[in-house]
Amino acid sequence: MPTFTVSTDSPLSVVDVTDEVRTNLPNDADGTVTVFVRHTTAAVTVNEAESRLLGDFETALSGLVDDEGWAHDDLDGNADAHVRALLIGPSVTVPVSGGDLDLGTWQSILLVECDGPRERAIDVRS
């Protein structure tokens, strides 16, 4: 199973990983691919990767979930990251045809970092 890593550079960020997923597909892949992040404080989704919109996603996630006041913070101080990742989820399933992603015109696969900066492992399973 192919795996790649992504280094993030801020506590909350959205990173386009479409090209890395595409690179890790078998040449003859047909059907679907599941993209899965192996962390409880990061998530994966499909949406548009326009830079201003990525910033809007970060602003929205910050506004939806308070940074402080969570019981889990007594343990390691990152409950907000867990809650943000929980809202999005750890994986997406995308159609594949002829060894390439079959995404819509404006769709990209996005890693959502909720507790960075960190290095994240992402699995590509077809």
C-alpha atoms as a PDB file:
ATOM      1  CA  MET A   1       0.000   0.000   0.000  1.00  0.00           C
ATOM      2  CA  PRO A   2       1.557   3.308  -1.052  1.00  0.00           C
ATOM      3  CA  THR A   3       2.079   5.910   1.659  1.00  0.00           C
ATOM      4  CA  PHE A   4       3.459   9.429   1.392  1.00  0.00           C
ATOM      5  CA  THR A   5       4.192  12.120   3.956  1.00  0.00           C
ATOM      6  CA  VAL A   6       3.286  15.792   4.083  1.00  0.00           C
ATOM      7  CA  SER A   7       5.011  18.340   6.309  1.00  0.00           C
ATOM      8  CA  THR A   8       2.743  21.110   7.542  1.00  0.00           C
ATOM      9  CA  ASP A   9       3.956  24.460   8.796  1.00  0.00           C
ATOM     10  CA  SER A  10       1.197  25.918  10.974  1.00  0.00           C
ATOM     11  CA  PRO A  11      -1.253  24.804  13.671  1.00  0.00           C
ATOM     12  CA  LEU A  12      -4.269  24.868  11.315  1.00  0.00           C
ATOM     13  CA  SER A  13      -3.816  24.606   7.565  1.00  0.00           C
ATOM     14  CA  VAL A  14      -5.275  23.035   4.443  1.00  0.00           C
ATOM     15  CA  VAL A  15      -2.862  21.450   1.949  1.00  0.00           C
ATOM     16  CA  ASP A  16      -3.652  20.224  -1.573  1.00  0.00           C
ATOM     17  CA  VAL A  17      -2.341  16.628  -1.836  1.00  0.00           C
ATOM     18  CA  THR A  18      -4.001  15.733  -5.148  1.00  0.00           C
ATOM     19  CA  ASP A  19      -0.739  15.397  -7.086  1.00  0.00           C
ATOM     20  CA  GLU A  20       0.825  13.182  -4.405  1.00  0.00           C
ATOM     21  CA  VAL A  21      -2.231  10.908  -4.413  1.00  0.00           C
ATOM     22  CA  ARG A  22      -2.142  10.752  -8.221  1.00  0.00           C
ATOM     23  CA  THR A  23       1.557   9.832  -8.140  1.00  0.00           C
ATOM     24  CA  ASN A  24       0.826   6.937  -5.781  1.00  0.00           C
ATOM     25  CA  LEU A  25      -1.898   5.343  -7.920  1.00  0.00           C
ATOM     26  CA  PRO A  26      -1.100   2.169  -9.859  1.00  0.00           C
ATOM     27  CA  ASN A  27      -0.981   2.835 -13.628  1.00  0.00           C
ATOM     28  CA  ASP A  28      -3.860   0.428 -14.236  1.00  0.00           C
ATOM     29  CA  ALA A  29      -6.086   1.499 -11.318  1.00  0.00           C
ATOM     30  CA  ASP A  30      -9.829   1.457 -12.018  1.00  0.00           C
ATOM     31  CA  GLY A  31     -12.689   1.717  -9.549  1.00  0.00           C
ATOM     32  CA  THR A  32     -12.004   3.753  -6.422  1.00  0.00           C
ATOM     33  CA  VAL A  33      -9.144   4.884  -4.247  1.00  0.00           C
ATOM     34  CA  THR A  34      -9.338   5.574  -0.531  1.00  0.00           C
ATOM     35  CA  VAL A  35      -7.099   8.318   0.829  1.00  0.00           C
ATOM     36  CA  PHE A  36      -6.588   7.904   4.589  1.00  0.00           C
ATOM     37  CA  VAL A  37      -4.605  10.029   7.040  1.00  0.00           C
ATOM     38  CA  ARG A  38      -3.125   8.028   9.936  1.00  0.00           C
ATOM     39  CA  HIS A  39      -3.604  10.677  12.626  1.00  0.00           C
ATOM     40  CA  THR A  40      -6.414  11.744  14.973  1.00  0.00           C
ATOM     41  CA  THR A  41      -5.663  15.461  14.664  1.00  0.00           C
ATOM     42  CA  ALA A  42      -5.675  15.670  10.868  1.00  0.00           C
ATOM     43  CA  ALA A  43      -8.349  15.027   8.259  1.00  0.00           C
ATOM     44  CA  VAL A  44      -8.896  14.554   4.527  1.00  0.00           C
ATOM     45  CA  THR A  45     -11.631  16.033   2.353  1.00  0.00           C
ATOM     46  CA  VAL A  46     -12.440  16.890  -1.276  1.00  0.00           C
ATOM     47  CA  ASN A  47     -13.054  20.501  -2.250  1.00  0.00           C
ATOM     48  CA  GLU A  48     -11.653  23.337  -4.345  1.00  0.00           C
ATOM     49  CA  ALA A  49      -7.994  24.238  -3.728  1.00  0.00           C
ATOM     50  CA  GLU A  50      -8.207  27.960  -4.520  1.00  0.00           C
ATOM     51  CA  SER A  51      -5.866  29.780  -2.094  1.00  0.00           C
ATOM     52  CA  ARG A  52      -8.404  32.250  -0.693  1.00  0.00           C
ATOM     53  CA  LEU A  53     -10.903  29.434  -0.160  1.00  0.00           C
ATOM     54  CA  LEU A  54      -8.286  27.370   1.690  1.00  0.00           C
ATOM     55  CA  GLY A  55      -7.823  30.340   4.028  1.00  0.00           C
ATOM     56  CA  ASP A  56     -11.593  30.564   4.418  1.00  0.00           C
ATOM     57  CA  PHE A  57     -11.690  26.884   5.451  1.00  0.00           C
ATOM     58  CA  GLU A  58      -9.066  27.578   8.121  1.00  0.00           C
ATOM     59  CA  THR A  59     -11.008  30.599   9.395  1.00  0.00           C
ATOM     60  CA  ALA A  60     -14.260  28.625   9.474  1.00  0.00           C
ATOM     61  CA  LEU A  61     -12.713  25.719  11.420  1.00  0.00           C
ATOM     62  CA  SER A  62     -11.200  28.159  13.911  1.00  0.00           C
ATOM     63  CA  GLY A  63     -14.595  29.777  14.403  1.00  0.00           C
ATOM     64  CA  LEU A  64     -16.504  26.502  14.731  1.00  0.00           C
ATOM     65  CA  VAL A  65     -14.339  25.025  17.474  1.00  0.00           C
ATOM     66  CA  ASP A  66     -12.984  26.976  20.456  1.00  0.00           C
ATOM     67  CA  ASP A  67      -9.255  26.620  21.071  1.00  0.00           C
ATOM     68  CA  GLU A  68      -9.640  26.179  24.825  1.00  0.00           C
ATOM     69  CA  GLY A  69     -12.014  24.875  27.467  1.00  0.00           C
ATOM     70  CA  TRP A  70     -12.011  21.167  26.629  1.00  0.00           C
ATOM     71  CA  ALA A  71     -11.593  18.382  29.206  1.00  0.00           C
ATOM     72  CA  HIS A  72      -8.966  16.614  27.066  1.00  0.00           C
ATOM     73  CA  ASP A  73      -6.778  19.727  27.276  1.00  0.00           C
ATOM     74  CA  ASP A  74      -5.816  18.625  30.807  1.00  0.00           C
ATOM     75  CA  LEU A  75      -4.001  15.706  29.166  1.00  0.00           C
ATOM     76  CA  ASP A  76      -2.170  17.258  26.201  1.00  0.00           C
ATOM     77  CA  GLY A  77      -3.739  20.586  25.254  1.00  0.00           C
ATOM     78  CA  ASN A  78      -4.966  19.707  21.765  1.00  0.00           C
ATOM     79  CA  ALA A  79      -8.642  18.777  22.160  1.00  0.00           C
ATOM     80  CA  ASP A  80      -9.591  21.477  19.641  1.00  0.00           C
ATOM     81  CA  ALA A  81      -7.508  19.685  17.005  1.00  0.00           C
ATOM     82  CA  HIS A  82      -9.221  16.365  17.716  1.00  0.00           C
ATOM     83  CA  VAL A  83     -12.683  17.953  17.490  1.00  0.00           C
ATOM     84  CA  ARG A  84     -11.878  19.738  14.205  1.00  0.00           C
ATOM     85  CA  ALA A  85     -10.538  16.512  12.663  1.00  0.00           C
ATOM     86  CA  LEU A  86     -13.605  14.620  13.926  1.00  0.00           C
ATOM     87  CA  LEU A  87     -15.902  17.013  12.045  1.00  0.00           C
ATOM     88  CA  ILE A  88     -14.168  16.300   8.718  1.00  0.00           C
ATOM     89  CA  GLY A  89     -13.007  12.693   8.989  1.00  0.00           C
ATOM     90  CA  PRO A  90      -9.825  10.735   8.254  1.00  0.00           C
ATOM     91  CA  SER A  91     -10.567   9.553   4.714  1.00  0.00           C
ATOM     92  CA  VAL A  92     -12.200  10.094   1.342  1.00  0.00           C
ATOM     93  CA  THR A  93     -13.049   7.675  -1.450  1.00  0.00           C
ATOM     94  CA  VAL A  94     -12.518   8.966  -4.981  1.00  0.00           C
ATOM     95  CA  PRO A  95     -13.336   7.360  -8.353  1.00  0.00           C
ATOM     96  CA  VAL A  96     -10.375   6.237 -10.461  1.00  0.00           C
ATOM     97  CA  SER A  97     -10.381   5.520 -14.186  1.00  0.00           C
ATOM     98  CA  GLY A  98      -7.452   4.403 -16.323  1.00  0.00           C
ATOM     99  CA  GLY A  99      -4.940   4.970 -13.540  1.00  0.00           C
ATOM    100  CA  ASP A 100      -6.019   8.561 -12.864  1.00  0.00           C
ATOM    101  CA  LEU A 101      -8.286  10.318 -10.403  1.00  0.00           C
ATOM    102  CA  ASP A 102     -11.757  10.972 -11.796  1.00  0.00           C
ATOM    103  CA  LEU A 103     -12.389  14.224  -9.919  1.00  0.00           C
ATOM    104  CA  GLY A 104     -14.714  17.035 -10.948  1.00  0.00           C
ATOM    105  CA  THR A 105     -13.334  20.156 -12.619  1.00  0.00           C
ATOM    106  CA  TRP A 106     -12.647  22.096  -9.415  1.00  0.00           C
ATOM    107  CA  GLN A 107     -12.173  19.178  -7.015  1.00  0.00           C
ATOM    108  CA  SER A 108      -8.925  18.476  -5.200  1.00  0.00           C
ATOM    109  CA  ILE A 109      -7.956  16.170  -2.355  1.00  0.00           C
ATOM    110  CA  LEU A 110      -7.093  18.243   0.707  1.00  0.00           C
ATOM    111  CA  LEU A 111      -5.228  17.396   3.900  1.00  0.00           C
ATOM    112  CA  VAL A 112      -6.586  19.407   6.820  1.00  0.00           C
ATOM    113  CA  GLU A 113      -3.935  19.907   9.487  1.00  0.00           C
ATOM    114  CA  CYS A 114      -5.478  20.636  12.893  1.00  0.00           C
ATOM    115  CA  ASP A 115      -2.448  20.298  15.214  1.00  0.00           C
ATOM    116  CA  GLY A 116       0.644  21.361  13.342  1.00  0.00           C
ATOM    117  CA  PRO A 117       3.257  21.852  12.420  1.00  0.00           C
ATOM    118  CA  ARG A 118       3.735  18.131  11.935  1.00  0.00           C
ATOM    119  CA  GLU A 119       4.637  15.442   9.431  1.00  0.00           C
ATOM    120  CA  ARG A 120       1.574  13.454   8.339  1.00  0.00           C
ATOM    121  CA  ALA A 121       1.436   9.994   6.766  1.00  0.00           C
ATOM    122  CA  ILE A 122      -1.239   9.465   4.138  1.00  0.00           C
ATOM    123  CA  ASP A 123      -2.187   6.047   2.724  1.00  0.00           C
ATOM    124  CA  VAL A 124      -3.459   5.552  -0.831  1.00  0.00           C
ATOM    125  CA  ARG A 125      -5.451   2.309  -1.192  1.00  0.00           C
ATOM    126  CA  SER A 126      -6.928   1.277  -4.523  1.00  0.00           C
END
